[in-house]
Amino acid sequence: MPFSDDHLAELNLLASFSTPSSLEGIKVHKNSAAPETVAAAERLHQKGLITNPDGGYLTSLGCETVEHTQKLMGILSSQ
């Protein structure tokens, strides 16, 4: 099953968390963020990965998911 556009938007948003930590949050501004980013944040919140529908902090599941996302990016980016 290939990644959908929604999956890619969610992965990109997860990648914007600099470290898999519940101490650093992000804010998705509905008036300036791309619509797909706003929707991705809402879906990640519904899935229990971030604390607020407009960003916030990673949950413990979100931290684990960011770790996996970073590993995947590293593998795909390797020469």
N, C-alpha and C. Protein backbone atom coordinates (compact mmCIF):
# COMPACT_ATOMS: atom_id res chain seq x y z
N MET A 1 0.85 -1.18 0.00
CA MET A 1 0.00 0.00 0.00
C MET A 1 0.89 1.24 0.00
N PRO A 2 0.77 2.10 -0.99
CA PRO A 2 1.59 3.31 -1.01
C PRO A 2 1.09 4.35 0.00
N PHE A 3 1.97 5.27 0.34
CA PHE A 3 1.58 6.37 1.22
C PHE A 3 0.62 7.28 0.46
N SER A 4 -0.45 7.66 1.13
CA SER A 4 -1.40 8.61 0.54
C SER A 4 -0.87 10.04 0.77
N ASP A 5 -1.50 10.99 0.12
CA ASP A 5 -1.14 12.39 0.36
C ASP A 5 -1.37 12.77 1.82
N ASP A 6 -2.43 12.22 2.43
CA ASP A 6 -2.69 12.49 3.85
C ASP A 6 -1.57 11.93 4.73
N HIS A 7 -1.13 10.69 4.41
CA HIS A 7 -0.02 10.10 5.17
C HIS A 7 1.24 10.96 5.06
N LEU A 8 1.53 11.41 3.85
CA LEU A 8 2.73 12.23 3.65
C LEU A 8 2.64 13.54 4.42
N ALA A 9 1.48 14.15 4.43
CA ALA A 9 1.30 15.40 5.19
C ALA A 9 1.50 15.15 6.68
N GLU A 10 1.00 14.02 7.17
CA GLU A 10 1.18 13.69 8.59
C GLU A 10 2.64 13.40 8.90
N LEU A 11 3.32 12.66 8.03
CA LEU A 11 4.74 12.38 8.24
C LEU A 11 5.56 13.67 8.22
N ASN A 12 5.25 14.56 7.30
CA ASN A 12 5.97 15.84 7.24
C ASN A 12 5.74 16.66 8.50
N LEU A 13 4.53 16.64 9.00
CA LEU A 13 4.26 17.39 10.24
C LEU A 13 4.99 16.76 11.41
N LEU A 14 4.98 15.43 11.50
CA LEU A 14 5.73 14.76 12.57
C LEU A 14 7.22 15.07 12.47
N ALA A 15 7.73 15.17 11.25
CA ALA A 15 9.15 15.47 11.05
C ALA A 15 9.50 16.88 11.50
N SER A 16 8.49 17.74 11.65
CA SER A 16 8.78 19.11 12.10
C SER A 16 9.06 19.19 13.60
N PHE A 17 8.76 18.12 14.32
CA PHE A 17 9.17 18.06 15.73
C PHE A 17 10.65 17.73 15.73
N SER A 18 11.46 18.61 16.29
CA SER A 18 12.91 18.46 16.18
C SER A 18 13.42 17.23 16.92
N THR A 19 12.80 16.89 18.01
CA THR A 19 13.20 15.69 18.76
C THR A 19 11.93 14.99 19.24
N PRO A 20 11.99 13.68 19.40
CA PRO A 20 10.83 12.98 19.94
C PRO A 20 10.72 13.21 21.46
N SER A 21 10.21 14.35 21.84
CA SER A 21 10.12 14.73 23.24
C SER A 21 8.77 15.39 23.50
N SER A 22 8.27 15.20 24.67
CA SER A 22 7.02 15.86 25.04
C SER A 22 7.27 17.26 25.59
N LEU A 23 8.51 17.73 25.51
CA LEU A 23 8.86 19.04 26.05
C LEU A 23 8.85 20.15 25.01
N GLU A 24 8.88 19.79 23.73
CA GLU A 24 8.87 20.79 22.66
C GLU A 24 7.61 20.62 21.84
N GLY A 25 6.88 21.70 21.68
CA GLY A 25 5.65 21.64 20.91
C GLY A 25 5.72 22.46 19.65
N ILE A 26 4.67 22.36 18.85
CA ILE A 26 4.54 23.18 17.65
C ILE A 26 3.15 23.77 17.62
N LYS A 27 2.98 24.81 16.83
CA LYS A 27 1.67 25.44 16.66
C LYS A 27 1.40 25.52 15.17
N VAL A 28 0.27 25.01 14.75
CA VAL A 28 -0.16 25.09 13.35
C VAL A 28 -1.19 26.20 13.29
N HIS A 29 -0.83 27.31 12.67
CA HIS A 29 -1.71 28.46 12.57
C HIS A 29 -2.65 28.30 11.38
N LYS A 30 -3.95 28.19 11.66
CA LYS A 30 -4.92 27.95 10.60
C LYS A 30 -4.94 29.05 9.54
N ASN A 31 -4.58 30.27 9.93
CA ASN A 31 -4.64 31.38 8.96
C ASN A 31 -3.39 31.47 8.10
N SER A 32 -2.32 30.77 8.44
CA SER A 32 -1.10 30.88 7.63
C SER A 32 -0.54 29.53 7.17
N ALA A 33 -0.95 28.44 7.79
CA ALA A 33 -0.44 27.11 7.41
C ALA A 33 -1.21 26.60 6.19
N ALA A 34 -0.57 25.73 5.45
CA ALA A 34 -1.23 25.11 4.30
C ALA A 34 -2.41 24.27 4.80
N PRO A 35 -3.49 24.23 4.04
CA PRO A 35 -4.67 23.46 4.46
C PRO A 35 -4.35 22.00 4.76
N GLU A 36 -3.44 21.40 3.99
CA GLU A 36 -3.11 19.99 4.24
C GLU A 36 -2.37 19.82 5.57
N THR A 37 -1.63 20.84 6.00
CA THR A 37 -0.94 20.79 7.29
C THR A 37 -1.94 20.93 8.43
N VAL A 38 -2.90 21.82 8.27
CA VAL A 38 -3.95 21.99 9.28
C VAL A 38 -4.73 20.68 9.44
N ALA A 39 -5.10 20.08 8.32
CA ALA A 39 -5.84 18.81 8.36
C ALA A 39 -5.00 17.70 8.96
N ALA A 40 -3.71 17.68 8.64
CA ALA A 40 -2.81 16.65 9.19
C ALA A 40 -2.73 16.77 10.71
N ALA A 41 -2.64 17.99 11.21
CA ALA A 41 -2.58 18.20 12.66
C ALA A 41 -3.86 17.69 13.32
N GLU A 42 -4.98 17.96 12.71
CA GLU A 42 -6.25 17.50 13.28
C GLU A 42 -6.30 15.97 13.30
N ARG A 43 -5.85 15.32 12.23
CA ARG A 43 -5.84 13.85 12.18
C ARG A 43 -4.88 13.26 13.20
N LEU A 44 -3.69 13.87 13.33
CA LEU A 44 -2.72 13.37 14.31
C LEU A 44 -3.27 13.49 15.73
N HIS A 45 -4.01 14.56 15.99
CA HIS A 45 -4.65 14.72 17.30
C HIS A 45 -5.70 13.64 17.50
N GLN A 46 -6.51 13.38 16.49
CA GLN A 46 -7.55 12.35 16.59
C GLN A 46 -6.93 10.97 16.82
N LYS A 47 -5.75 10.75 16.28
CA LYS A 47 -5.06 9.47 16.44
C LYS A 47 -4.31 9.37 17.76
N GLY A 48 -4.28 10.45 18.53
CA GLY A 48 -3.62 10.43 19.82
C GLY A 48 -2.12 10.64 19.77
N LEU A 49 -1.62 11.26 18.69
CA LEU A 49 -0.18 11.48 18.55
C LEU A 49 0.26 12.85 19.05
N ILE A 50 -0.63 13.83 18.99
CA ILE A 50 -0.32 15.17 19.50
C ILE A 50 -1.47 15.62 20.41
N THR A 51 -1.17 16.57 21.28
CA THR A 51 -2.11 16.93 22.34
C THR A 51 -3.25 17.84 21.92
N ASN A 52 -3.08 18.61 20.84
CA ASN A 52 -4.10 19.56 20.42
C ASN A 52 -4.36 19.45 18.93
N PRO A 53 -5.55 19.80 18.47
CA PRO A 53 -5.84 19.72 17.04
C PRO A 53 -5.05 20.73 16.21
N ASP A 54 -4.44 21.70 16.86
CA ASP A 54 -3.62 22.68 16.13
C ASP A 54 -2.14 22.56 16.52
N GLY A 55 -1.74 21.36 16.90
CA GLY A 55 -0.34 21.12 17.24
C GLY A 55 -0.19 20.69 18.67
N GLY A 56 0.49 21.52 19.43
CA GLY A 56 0.72 21.17 20.83
C GLY A 56 1.97 20.33 20.99
N TYR A 57 1.88 19.36 21.86
CA TYR A 57 3.01 18.52 22.20
C TYR A 57 2.77 17.08 21.75
N LEU A 58 3.84 16.33 21.63
CA LEU A 58 3.72 14.92 21.31
C LEU A 58 3.23 14.16 22.53
N THR A 59 2.38 13.19 22.29
CA THR A 59 2.02 12.25 23.35
C THR A 59 3.11 11.18 23.38
N SER A 60 3.01 10.23 24.30
CA SER A 60 4.01 9.16 24.33
C SER A 60 3.97 8.37 23.02
N LEU A 61 2.79 8.11 22.48
CA LEU A 61 2.69 7.44 21.19
C LEU A 61 3.27 8.30 20.08
N GLY A 62 3.06 9.61 20.18
CA GLY A 62 3.63 10.53 19.21
C GLY A 62 5.15 10.53 19.25
N CYS A 63 5.72 10.49 20.43
CA CYS A 63 7.19 10.43 20.57
C CYS A 63 7.74 9.19 19.90
N GLU A 64 7.08 8.06 20.13
CA GLU A 64 7.51 6.81 19.53
C GLU A 64 7.38 6.87 18.00
N THR A 65 6.32 7.47 17.53
CA THR A 65 6.09 7.58 16.10
C THR A 65 7.13 8.49 15.44
N VAL A 66 7.49 9.58 16.11
CA VAL A 66 8.52 10.48 15.58
C VAL A 66 9.86 9.74 15.49
N GLU A 67 10.17 8.93 16.48
CA GLU A 67 11.41 8.14 16.42
C GLU A 67 11.42 7.25 15.18
N HIS A 68 10.31 6.58 14.93
CA HIS A 68 10.21 5.71 13.75
C HIS A 68 10.29 6.53 12.46
N THR A 69 9.66 7.69 12.47
CA THR A 69 9.69 8.57 11.30
C THR A 69 11.11 9.02 11.00
N GLN A 70 11.85 9.39 12.04
CA GLN A 70 13.23 9.81 11.86
C GLN A 70 14.10 8.68 11.34
N LYS A 71 13.88 7.47 11.83
CA LYS A 71 14.63 6.30 11.33
C LYS A 71 14.31 6.05 9.87
N LEU A 72 13.05 6.11 9.52
CA LEU A 72 12.64 5.90 8.13
C LEU A 72 13.27 6.95 7.22
N MET A 73 13.25 8.20 7.63
CA MET A 73 13.86 9.27 6.84
C MET A 73 15.36 9.03 6.67
N GLY A 74 16.02 8.58 7.74
CA GLY A 74 17.44 8.30 7.67
C GLY A 74 17.75 7.17 6.70
N ILE A 75 16.95 6.12 6.74
CA ILE A 75 17.16 4.99 5.83
C ILE A 75 16.95 5.43 4.39
N LEU A 76 15.87 6.14 4.14
CA LEU A 76 15.55 6.56 2.77
C LEU A 76 16.52 7.61 2.24
N SER A 77 17.15 8.35 3.14
CA SER A 77 18.09 9.41 2.74
C SER A 77 19.51 8.91 2.59
N SER A 78 19.79 7.70 3.04
CA SER A 78 21.17 7.19 2.98
C SER A 78 21.58 6.92 1.55
N GLN A 79 22.87 7.06 1.32
CA GLN A 79 23.41 6.86 -0.04
C GLN A 79 23.64 5.42 -0.29
